[in-house]
Amino acid sequence: MADHRVTLTTPWVDQWVPDFIGTLMFVRRADEVLLIHKKTGHGAGRINAPGGKLERGEGVVAGACRETLEEVGLTVTQARVAAELRFVELNGPQWLGFALLANHYAGEEVETREARPFWCPIAEIPYTDMWADDVLWLPALLRSTHTQPMVGNFLFDQGCLLEHRFDECESVWSQL
């Protein structure tokens, strides 16, 4: 992952370097979004969107599309980065996440070893079964028509959300 190293400023750490860079792909279909019951890995047991870590040399959009194909069998096209999410953890790994939106895809969703996909009405997203921060940014992301990604900073201590802030700054996604 050496080619994905980035140093950012967050409200709590001036020289913040994420240990991992990951993606989430939110595929929309009318008033529904594709979510998954995560079965393995980071976030197992939670509801989320298809996604995962970038591979060496892989761009954000390409990585999100690859992970979506691997986890749920959909080939996504015309995806756009809609959010950059900086997860500052006081006692654990640091994550830089990118959430993407897509309305165009091919194929049928399938359950895999990693995920059980389901289409969920946007008005019924089960936030209580998701990460604590999702309710803070996902509604805005799903309504988003902006061309620039929103940037969110989230401070955690052993998985417990302590603070959050949204910044008016440029996302670094295109630099990776």
N, C-alpha and C. Protein backbone atom coordinates (compact mmCIF):
# COMPACT_ATOMS: atom_id res chain seq x y z
N MET A 1 0.81 -1.19 0.00
CA MET A 1 0.00 0.00 0.00
C MET A 1 0.85 1.26 0.00
N ALA A 2 2.14 1.15 -0.13
CA ALA A 2 3.03 2.30 -0.06
C ALA A 2 2.65 3.37 -1.08
N ASP A 3 2.14 2.99 -2.22
CA ASP A 3 1.78 3.99 -3.22
C ASP A 3 0.47 4.70 -2.91
N HIS A 4 -0.21 4.34 -1.83
CA HIS A 4 -1.44 5.01 -1.42
C HIS A 4 -1.23 5.89 -0.18
N ARG A 5 0.02 6.11 0.25
CA ARG A 5 0.27 6.89 1.46
C ARG A 5 -0.14 8.34 1.23
N VAL A 6 -0.83 8.88 2.22
CA VAL A 6 -1.27 10.26 2.17
C VAL A 6 -1.24 10.81 3.59
N THR A 7 -0.90 12.07 3.74
CA THR A 7 -0.92 12.74 5.03
C THR A 7 -1.95 13.85 4.96
N LEU A 8 -2.85 13.89 5.92
CA LEU A 8 -3.94 14.86 5.94
C LEU A 8 -3.98 15.58 7.27
N THR A 9 -4.72 16.68 7.29
CA THR A 9 -4.98 17.39 8.54
C THR A 9 -6.43 17.13 8.93
N THR A 10 -6.63 16.75 10.17
CA THR A 10 -7.98 16.56 10.70
C THR A 10 -8.16 17.55 11.86
N PRO A 11 -9.36 17.73 12.36
CA PRO A 11 -9.54 18.63 13.51
C PRO A 11 -8.77 18.20 14.75
N TRP A 12 -8.35 16.92 14.83
CA TRP A 12 -7.71 16.41 16.02
C TRP A 12 -6.25 16.05 15.84
N VAL A 13 -5.82 15.84 14.59
CA VAL A 13 -4.44 15.45 14.30
C VAL A 13 -3.96 16.24 13.09
N ASP A 14 -2.85 16.97 13.26
CA ASP A 14 -2.34 17.79 12.16
C ASP A 14 -1.69 16.98 11.05
N GLN A 15 -0.96 15.94 11.40
CA GLN A 15 -0.27 15.10 10.42
C GLN A 15 -0.85 13.69 10.51
N TRP A 16 -2.08 13.54 10.06
CA TRP A 16 -2.79 12.26 10.17
C TRP A 16 -2.49 11.40 8.94
N VAL A 17 -2.05 10.17 9.19
CA VAL A 17 -1.74 9.23 8.12
C VAL A 17 -2.59 7.98 8.31
N PRO A 18 -3.51 7.71 7.38
CA PRO A 18 -4.34 6.51 7.53
C PRO A 18 -3.55 5.24 7.32
N ASP A 19 -3.92 4.21 8.08
CA ASP A 19 -3.31 2.89 7.91
C ASP A 19 -3.94 2.16 6.73
N PHE A 20 -5.22 2.43 6.49
CA PHE A 20 -5.97 1.74 5.44
C PHE A 20 -6.79 2.74 4.65
N ILE A 21 -6.97 2.44 3.38
CA ILE A 21 -7.86 3.22 2.52
C ILE A 21 -8.90 2.26 1.97
N GLY A 22 -10.15 2.60 2.20
CA GLY A 22 -11.23 1.73 1.78
C GLY A 22 -12.31 2.48 1.02
N THR A 23 -13.22 1.70 0.46
CA THR A 23 -14.32 2.27 -0.33
C THR A 23 -15.65 1.65 0.08
N LEU A 24 -16.70 2.37 -0.21
CA LEU A 24 -18.07 1.88 -0.10
C LEU A 24 -18.81 2.32 -1.36
N MET A 25 -19.55 1.41 -1.97
CA MET A 25 -20.30 1.73 -3.20
C MET A 25 -21.80 1.68 -2.90
N PHE A 26 -22.45 2.82 -3.00
CA PHE A 26 -23.90 2.90 -2.81
C PHE A 26 -24.56 2.95 -4.17
N VAL A 27 -25.12 1.81 -4.57
CA VAL A 27 -25.80 1.68 -5.86
C VAL A 27 -27.28 2.02 -5.64
N ARG A 28 -27.78 2.94 -6.45
CA ARG A 28 -29.18 3.36 -6.30
C ARG A 28 -30.02 2.76 -7.42
N ARG A 29 -31.27 2.45 -7.05
CA ARG A 29 -32.27 1.97 -8.00
C ARG A 29 -33.58 2.63 -7.58
N ALA A 30 -34.01 3.63 -8.34
CA ALA A 30 -35.21 4.41 -7.99
C ALA A 30 -35.05 4.93 -6.55
N ASP A 31 -35.97 4.59 -5.65
CA ASP A 31 -35.91 5.05 -4.26
C ASP A 31 -35.31 4.01 -3.33
N GLU A 32 -34.45 3.15 -3.88
CA GLU A 32 -33.79 2.11 -3.09
C GLU A 32 -32.28 2.24 -3.23
N VAL A 33 -31.58 1.64 -2.26
CA VAL A 33 -30.14 1.57 -2.30
C VAL A 33 -29.74 0.13 -1.98
N LEU A 34 -28.68 -0.34 -2.64
CA LEU A 34 -28.18 -1.68 -2.38
C LEU A 34 -27.31 -1.67 -1.13
N LEU A 35 -27.70 -2.46 -0.15
CA LEU A 35 -26.92 -2.62 1.07
C LEU A 35 -26.54 -4.09 1.23
N ILE A 36 -25.65 -4.36 2.17
CA ILE A 36 -25.24 -5.73 2.42
C ILE A 36 -25.26 -6.02 3.91
N HIS A 37 -25.52 -7.27 4.23
CA HIS A 37 -25.21 -7.80 5.55
C HIS A 37 -23.78 -8.30 5.42
N LYS A 38 -22.84 -7.63 6.06
CA LYS A 38 -21.42 -7.97 5.96
C LYS A 38 -21.16 -9.25 6.76
N LYS A 39 -20.61 -10.26 6.10
CA LYS A 39 -20.42 -11.57 6.73
C LYS A 39 -19.00 -11.82 7.23
N THR A 40 -18.01 -11.14 6.63
CA THR A 40 -16.61 -11.38 7.00
C THR A 40 -15.85 -10.07 7.04
N GLY A 41 -14.69 -10.10 7.64
CA GLY A 41 -13.78 -8.95 7.60
C GLY A 41 -14.24 -7.76 8.43
N HIS A 42 -13.68 -6.60 8.12
CA HIS A 42 -13.97 -5.36 8.83
C HIS A 42 -15.46 -5.03 8.71
N GLY A 43 -16.12 -4.90 9.82
CA GLY A 43 -17.54 -4.60 9.83
C GLY A 43 -18.45 -5.82 9.79
N ALA A 44 -17.90 -7.01 9.94
CA ALA A 44 -18.72 -8.23 9.93
C ALA A 44 -19.84 -8.10 10.96
N GLY A 45 -21.04 -8.49 10.56
CA GLY A 45 -22.20 -8.42 11.43
C GLY A 45 -23.00 -7.13 11.28
N ARG A 46 -22.44 -6.17 10.60
CA ARG A 46 -23.13 -4.90 10.40
C ARG A 46 -23.76 -4.85 9.00
N ILE A 47 -24.62 -3.87 8.84
CA ILE A 47 -25.15 -3.55 7.51
C ILE A 47 -24.33 -2.40 6.96
N ASN A 48 -23.99 -2.50 5.69
CA ASN A 48 -23.17 -1.49 5.05
C ASN A 48 -23.43 -1.55 3.56
N ALA A 49 -22.53 -0.99 2.79
CA ALA A 49 -22.57 -1.08 1.33
C ALA A 49 -21.40 -1.95 0.89
N PRO A 50 -21.45 -2.48 -0.32
CA PRO A 50 -20.29 -3.23 -0.81
C PRO A 50 -19.05 -2.33 -0.81
N GLY A 51 -17.92 -2.92 -0.51
CA GLY A 51 -16.68 -2.14 -0.52
C GLY A 51 -15.55 -2.89 0.13
N GLY A 52 -14.42 -2.23 0.21
CA GLY A 52 -13.26 -2.85 0.82
C GLY A 52 -12.02 -2.02 0.59
N LYS A 53 -10.87 -2.60 0.91
CA LYS A 53 -9.58 -1.92 0.80
C LYS A 53 -9.12 -1.84 -0.65
N LEU A 54 -8.41 -0.73 -0.94
CA LEU A 54 -7.78 -0.60 -2.25
C LEU A 54 -6.59 -1.54 -2.35
N GLU A 55 -6.37 -2.05 -3.54
CA GLU A 55 -5.19 -2.86 -3.80
C GLU A 55 -4.07 -1.94 -4.28
N ARG A 56 -2.86 -2.43 -4.22
CA ARG A 56 -1.68 -1.65 -4.62
C ARG A 56 -1.86 -1.11 -6.04
N GLY A 57 -1.69 0.19 -6.18
CA GLY A 57 -1.77 0.83 -7.49
C GLY A 57 -3.17 1.07 -8.01
N GLU A 58 -4.18 0.73 -7.24
CA GLU A 58 -5.57 0.82 -7.68
C GLU A 58 -6.16 2.17 -7.32
N GLY A 59 -6.91 2.78 -8.23
CA GLY A 59 -7.60 4.02 -7.98
C GLY A 59 -8.87 3.79 -7.17
N VAL A 60 -9.42 4.87 -6.63
CA VAL A 60 -10.59 4.79 -5.76
C VAL A 60 -11.80 4.23 -6.51
N VAL A 61 -12.10 4.77 -7.67
CA VAL A 61 -13.29 4.30 -8.41
C VAL A 61 -13.10 2.85 -8.86
N ALA A 62 -11.93 2.53 -9.39
CA ALA A 62 -11.67 1.17 -9.84
C ALA A 62 -11.77 0.18 -8.67
N GLY A 63 -11.23 0.56 -7.51
CA GLY A 63 -11.29 -0.32 -6.34
C GLY A 63 -12.71 -0.54 -5.86
N ALA A 64 -13.50 0.50 -5.84
CA ALA A 64 -14.90 0.37 -5.41
C ALA A 64 -15.68 -0.50 -6.37
N CYS A 65 -15.45 -0.34 -7.67
CA CYS A 65 -16.15 -1.17 -8.66
C CYS A 65 -15.72 -2.63 -8.56
N ARG A 66 -14.42 -2.88 -8.35
CA ARG A 66 -13.93 -4.25 -8.19
C ARG A 66 -14.55 -4.90 -6.96
N GLU A 67 -14.55 -4.19 -5.83
CA GLU A 67 -15.11 -4.74 -4.60
C GLU A 67 -16.61 -5.04 -4.75
N THR A 68 -17.33 -4.19 -5.45
CA THR A 68 -18.77 -4.41 -5.66
C THR A 68 -19.00 -5.66 -6.49
N LEU A 69 -18.20 -5.85 -7.53
CA LEU A 69 -18.31 -7.06 -8.35
C LEU A 69 -17.98 -8.30 -7.52
N GLU A 70 -16.91 -8.24 -6.73
CA GLU A 70 -16.50 -9.40 -5.92
C GLU A 70 -17.52 -9.73 -4.83
N GLU A 71 -18.06 -8.70 -4.17
CA GLU A 71 -18.94 -8.94 -3.03
C GLU A 71 -20.38 -9.25 -3.40
N VAL A 72 -20.89 -8.65 -4.49
CA VAL A 72 -22.32 -8.84 -4.79
C VAL A 72 -22.61 -9.16 -6.25
N GLY A 73 -21.58 -9.24 -7.10
CA GLY A 73 -21.78 -9.66 -8.48
C GLY A 73 -22.28 -8.60 -9.44
N LEU A 74 -22.31 -7.33 -9.05
CA LEU A 74 -22.76 -6.27 -9.95
C LEU A 74 -21.58 -5.57 -10.59
N THR A 75 -21.70 -5.29 -11.88
CA THR A 75 -20.73 -4.49 -12.60
C THR A 75 -21.26 -3.06 -12.63
N VAL A 76 -20.58 -2.18 -11.92
CA VAL A 76 -21.02 -0.79 -11.79
C VAL A 76 -20.30 0.08 -12.81
N THR A 77 -21.04 1.00 -13.41
CA THR A 77 -20.45 1.99 -14.32
C THR A 77 -20.90 3.38 -13.88
N GLN A 78 -20.17 4.38 -14.30
CA GLN A 78 -20.47 5.78 -14.03
C GLN A 78 -20.58 6.10 -12.54
N ALA A 79 -19.73 5.48 -11.74
CA ALA A 79 -19.70 5.76 -10.31
C ALA A 79 -18.96 7.08 -10.07
N ARG A 80 -19.38 7.78 -9.02
CA ARG A 80 -18.68 9.02 -8.66
C ARG A 80 -18.40 9.04 -7.17
N VAL A 81 -17.25 9.60 -6.81
CA VAL A 81 -16.90 9.75 -5.41
C VAL A 81 -17.76 10.86 -4.83
N ALA A 82 -18.52 10.54 -3.78
CA ALA A 82 -19.45 11.51 -3.19
C ALA A 82 -19.03 11.93 -1.78
N ALA A 83 -18.14 11.18 -1.14
CA ALA A 83 -17.69 11.55 0.20
C ALA A 83 -16.31 11.00 0.49
N GLU A 84 -15.54 11.77 1.21
CA GLU A 84 -14.26 11.35 1.79
C GLU A 84 -14.46 11.34 3.29
N LEU A 85 -14.19 10.21 3.92
CA LEU A 85 -14.48 10.02 5.34
C LEU A 85 -13.20 9.66 6.07
N ARG A 86 -12.79 10.51 7.01
CA ARG A 86 -11.55 10.33 7.75
C ARG A 86 -11.89 9.81 9.15
N PHE A 87 -11.54 8.56 9.40
CA PHE A 87 -11.87 7.92 10.67
C PHE A 87 -10.64 7.90 11.57
N VAL A 88 -10.58 8.88 12.47
CA VAL A 88 -9.47 9.03 13.40
C VAL A 88 -9.82 8.23 14.65
N GLU A 89 -9.05 7.19 14.90
CA GLU A 89 -9.29 6.29 16.03
C GLU A 89 -8.19 6.52 17.07
N LEU A 90 -8.57 6.84 18.30
CA LEU A 90 -7.59 7.08 19.36
C LEU A 90 -6.83 5.81 19.73
N ASN A 91 -7.47 4.65 19.59
CA ASN A 91 -6.87 3.38 20.01
C ASN A 91 -7.09 2.30 18.96
N GLY A 92 -6.53 2.48 17.80
CA GLY A 92 -6.70 1.47 16.77
C GLY A 92 -6.30 1.98 15.41
N PRO A 93 -6.56 1.20 14.38
CA PRO A 93 -6.16 1.58 13.03
C PRO A 93 -6.92 2.80 12.52
N GLN A 94 -6.23 3.55 11.71
CA GLN A 94 -6.77 4.76 11.09
C GLN A 94 -7.27 4.41 9.69
N TRP A 95 -8.49 4.84 9.37
CA TRP A 95 -9.09 4.53 8.07
C TRP A 95 -9.43 5.80 7.32
N LEU A 96 -9.09 5.83 6.06
CA LEU A 96 -9.57 6.86 5.14
C LEU A 96 -10.54 6.15 4.21
N GLY A 97 -11.77 6.61 4.20
CA GLY A 97 -12.80 5.95 3.40
C GLY A 97 -13.35 6.86 2.32
N PHE A 98 -13.76 6.25 1.23
CA PHE A 98 -14.41 6.98 0.15
C PHE A 98 -15.74 6.30 -0.15
N ALA A 99 -16.81 7.09 -0.12
CA ALA A 99 -18.14 6.57 -0.44
C ALA A 99 -18.50 7.05 -1.84
N LEU A 100 -18.93 6.10 -2.66
CA LEU A 100 -19.28 6.40 -4.04
C LEU A 100 -20.75 6.17 -4.28
N LEU A 101 -21.29 6.86 -5.27
CA LEU A 101 -22.68 6.69 -5.71
C LEU A 101 -22.68 6.22 -7.15
N ALA A 102 -23.62 5.34 -7.47
CA ALA A 102 -23.78 4.88 -8.85
C ALA A 102 -25.25 4.56 -9.09
N ASN A 103 -25.72 4.89 -10.27
CA ASN A 103 -27.08 4.56 -10.69
C ASN A 103 -27.09 3.53 -11.83
N HIS A 104 -25.91 3.26 -12.37
CA HIS A 104 -25.81 2.37 -13.53
C HIS A 104 -25.02 1.11 -13.16
N TYR A 105 -25.62 -0.02 -13.46
CA TYR A 105 -24.97 -1.30 -13.16
C TYR A 105 -25.54 -2.37 -14.09
N ALA A 106 -24.82 -3.47 -14.17
CA ALA A 106 -25.27 -4.63 -14.95
C ALA A 106 -25.17 -5.86 -14.06
N GLY A 107 -26.03 -6.82 -14.33
CA GLY A 107 -26.01 -8.06 -13.58
C GLY A 107 -27.08 -8.09 -12.51
N GLU A 108 -27.11 -9.21 -11.80
CA GLU A 108 -28.04 -9.40 -10.68
C GLU A 108 -27.22 -9.62 -9.43
N GLU A 109 -27.66 -9.03 -8.34
CA GLU A 109 -26.93 -9.19 -7.08
C GLU A 109 -27.00 -10.64 -6.63
N VAL A 110 -25.89 -11.12 -6.07
CA VAL A 110 -25.79 -12.49 -5.57
C VAL A 110 -25.13 -12.48 -4.20
N GLU A 111 -25.50 -13.44 -3.37
CA GLU A 111 -24.84 -13.60 -2.08
C GLU A 111 -23.49 -14.27 -2.30
N THR A 112 -22.49 -13.78 -1.58
CA THR A 112 -21.15 -14.35 -1.66
C THR A 112 -20.69 -14.72 -0.25
N ARG A 113 -19.49 -15.23 -0.17
CA ARG A 113 -18.90 -15.57 1.13
C ARG A 113 -18.80 -14.33 2.02
N GLU A 114 -18.64 -13.15 1.40
CA GLU A 114 -18.44 -11.91 2.15
C GLU A 114 -19.72 -11.16 2.51
N ALA A 115 -20.76 -11.30 1.67
CA ALA A 115 -21.90 -10.41 1.85
C ALA A 115 -23.21 -11.00 1.35
N ARG A 116 -24.28 -10.62 2.05
CA ARG A 116 -25.64 -10.94 1.60
C ARG A 116 -26.30 -9.62 1.22
N PRO A 117 -26.48 -9.37 -0.09
CA PRO A 117 -27.02 -8.09 -0.54
C PRO A 117 -28.55 -8.04 -0.45
N PHE A 118 -29.06 -6.81 -0.30
CA PHE A 118 -30.50 -6.59 -0.34
C PHE A 118 -30.78 -5.14 -0.74
N TRP A 119 -31.86 -4.95 -1.47
CA TRP A 119 -32.30 -3.61 -1.84
C TRP A 119 -33.15 -3.07 -0.71
N CYS A 120 -32.85 -1.85 -0.29
CA CYS A 120 -33.52 -1.24 0.86
C CYS A 120 -34.12 0.10 0.45
N PRO A 121 -35.39 0.34 0.75
CA PRO A 121 -35.94 1.68 0.52
C PRO A 121 -35.11 2.70 1.30
N ILE A 122 -34.76 3.79 0.67
CA ILE A 122 -33.91 4.79 1.31
C ILE A 122 -34.54 5.29 2.61
N ALA A 123 -35.85 5.42 2.64
CA ALA A 123 -36.54 5.89 3.85
C ALA A 123 -36.51 4.88 4.99
N GLU A 124 -36.07 3.64 4.71
CA GLU A 124 -36.07 2.58 5.73
C GLU A 124 -34.68 2.03 6.04
N ILE A 125 -33.64 2.79 5.73
CA ILE A 125 -32.28 2.32 5.99
C ILE A 125 -32.12 2.04 7.49
N PRO A 126 -31.64 0.85 7.85
CA PRO A 126 -31.53 0.45 9.26
C PRO A 126 -30.26 0.98 9.94
N TYR A 127 -30.23 2.27 10.21
CA TYR A 127 -29.03 2.90 10.77
C TYR A 127 -28.59 2.28 12.09
N THR A 128 -29.50 1.74 12.86
CA THR A 128 -29.11 1.14 14.14
C THR A 128 -28.26 -0.12 13.96
N ASP A 129 -28.26 -0.70 12.77
CA ASP A 129 -27.46 -1.89 12.47
C ASP A 129 -26.19 -1.56 11.70
N MET A 130 -25.90 -0.26 11.60
CA MET A 130 -24.75 0.21 10.82
C MET A 130 -23.74 0.86 11.76
N TRP A 131 -22.64 1.37 11.21
CA TRP A 131 -21.67 2.11 12.01
C TRP A 131 -22.34 3.37 12.55
N ALA A 132 -21.91 3.83 13.73
CA ALA A 132 -22.53 4.98 14.40
C ALA A 132 -22.48 6.26 13.57
N ASP A 133 -21.47 6.42 12.74
CA ASP A 133 -21.33 7.64 11.95
C ASP A 133 -22.20 7.66 10.70
N ASP A 134 -22.67 6.50 10.23
CA ASP A 134 -23.41 6.44 8.96
C ASP A 134 -24.63 7.35 8.94
N VAL A 135 -25.34 7.46 10.03
CA VAL A 135 -26.54 8.29 10.07
C VAL A 135 -26.19 9.78 9.93
N LEU A 136 -24.93 10.14 10.18
CA LEU A 136 -24.51 11.53 10.09
C LEU A 136 -24.20 11.98 8.67
N TRP A 137 -23.76 11.06 7.81
CA TRP A 137 -23.36 11.46 6.47
C TRP A 137 -24.12 10.77 5.35
N LEU A 138 -24.62 9.56 5.57
CA LEU A 138 -25.27 8.82 4.48
C LEU A 138 -26.53 9.50 3.95
N PRO A 139 -27.42 10.05 4.78
CA PRO A 139 -28.59 10.72 4.21
C PRO A 139 -28.21 11.86 3.25
N ALA A 140 -27.22 12.65 3.63
CA ALA A 140 -26.78 13.75 2.75
C ALA A 140 -26.15 13.20 1.47
N LEU A 141 -25.39 12.13 1.60
CA LEU A 141 -24.77 11.52 0.43
C LEU A 141 -25.83 11.04 -0.56
N LEU A 142 -26.87 10.39 -0.06
CA LEU A 142 -27.89 9.85 -0.95
C LEU A 142 -28.75 10.94 -1.59
N ARG A 143 -28.77 12.14 -1.01
CA ARG A 143 -29.48 13.28 -1.60
C ARG A 143 -28.57 14.12 -2.48
N SER A 144 -27.29 13.85 -2.45
CA SER A 144 -26.28 14.71 -3.05
C SER A 144 -26.42 14.83 -4.56
N THR A 145 -26.32 16.06 -5.01
CA THR A 145 -26.21 16.34 -6.45
C THR A 145 -24.93 17.12 -6.72
N HIS A 146 -24.10 17.30 -5.67
CA HIS A 146 -22.86 18.06 -5.80
C HIS A 146 -21.84 17.29 -6.62
N THR A 147 -21.01 18.03 -7.31
CA THR A 147 -19.95 17.38 -8.08
C THR A 147 -18.71 17.14 -7.23
N GLN A 148 -18.53 17.92 -6.16
CA GLN A 148 -17.39 17.75 -5.26
C GLN A 148 -17.79 16.88 -4.07
N PRO A 149 -16.94 15.95 -3.67
CA PRO A 149 -17.26 15.11 -2.52
C PRO A 149 -17.30 15.91 -1.22
N MET A 150 -18.21 15.53 -0.31
CA MET A 150 -18.19 16.10 1.03
C MET A 150 -17.04 15.43 1.79
N VAL A 151 -16.48 16.16 2.75
CA VAL A 151 -15.37 15.64 3.55
C VAL A 151 -15.81 15.62 5.00
N GLY A 152 -15.79 14.44 5.60
CA GLY A 152 -16.18 14.29 7.00
C GLY A 152 -15.05 13.73 7.84
N ASN A 153 -14.93 14.24 9.04
CA ASN A 153 -13.93 13.79 10.01
C ASN A 153 -14.67 13.20 11.21
N PHE A 154 -14.24 12.02 11.66
CA PHE A 154 -14.92 11.31 12.73
C PHE A 154 -13.89 10.83 13.74
N LEU A 155 -14.07 11.21 14.99
CA LEU A 155 -13.15 10.82 16.05
C LEU A 155 -13.78 9.68 16.85
N PHE A 156 -13.06 8.57 16.92
CA PHE A 156 -13.52 7.38 17.64
C PHE A 156 -12.54 7.01 18.74
N ASP A 157 -13.05 6.37 19.76
CA ASP A 157 -12.22 5.74 20.78
C ASP A 157 -12.73 4.32 20.97
N GLN A 158 -11.95 3.36 20.53
CA GLN A 158 -12.30 1.94 20.57
C GLN A 158 -13.68 1.70 19.96
N GLY A 159 -13.91 2.30 18.81
CA GLY A 159 -15.15 2.09 18.08
C GLY A 159 -16.31 2.96 18.50
N CYS A 160 -16.14 3.78 19.53
CA CYS A 160 -17.21 4.65 20.02
C CYS A 160 -17.02 6.06 19.44
N LEU A 161 -18.02 6.56 18.74
CA LEU A 161 -17.94 7.88 18.12
C LEU A 161 -17.97 8.97 19.19
N LEU A 162 -16.92 9.83 19.20
CA LEU A 162 -16.81 10.91 20.17
C LEU A 162 -17.21 12.26 19.59
N GLU A 163 -16.74 12.54 18.38
CA GLU A 163 -16.99 13.83 17.72
C GLU A 163 -17.01 13.64 16.21
N HIS A 164 -17.59 14.62 15.54
CA HIS A 164 -17.52 14.64 14.07
C HIS A 164 -17.59 16.08 13.58
N ARG A 165 -16.99 16.30 12.43
CA ARG A 165 -17.02 17.60 11.77
C ARG A 165 -16.96 17.39 10.27
N PHE A 166 -17.66 18.27 9.57
CA PHE A 166 -17.60 18.27 8.11
C PHE A 166 -16.80 19.48 7.67
N ASP A 167 -15.89 19.28 6.72
CA ASP A 167 -15.00 20.34 6.26
C ASP A 167 -15.39 20.82 4.87
N GLU A 168 -15.06 22.08 4.63
CA GLU A 168 -15.20 22.67 3.30
C GLU A 168 -13.81 22.66 2.66
N CYS A 169 -13.31 21.48 2.34
CA CYS A 169 -12.00 21.37 1.71
C CYS A 169 -12.09 20.37 0.56
N GLU A 170 -11.07 20.38 -0.25
CA GLU A 170 -11.05 19.49 -1.40
C GLU A 170 -10.67 18.07 -0.99
N SER A 171 -11.36 17.10 -1.55
CA SER A 171 -11.07 15.70 -1.30
C SER A 171 -9.76 15.31 -1.97
N VAL A 172 -9.07 14.34 -1.39
CA VAL A 172 -7.80 13.88 -1.96
C VAL A 172 -7.97 12.67 -2.88
N TRP A 173 -9.21 12.23 -3.13
CA TRP A 173 -9.43 10.96 -3.83
C TRP A 173 -8.74 10.90 -5.19
N SER A 174 -8.70 11.99 -5.92
CA SER A 174 -8.13 11.94 -7.27
C SER A 174 -6.60 11.88 -7.23
N GLN A 175 -5.99 12.09 -6.06
CA GLN A 175 -4.54 12.04 -5.93
C GLN A 175 -4.05 10.62 -5.63
N LEU A 176 -4.97 9.70 -5.37
CA LEU A 176 -4.57 8.33 -5.02
C LEU A 176 -4.51 7.44 -6.23
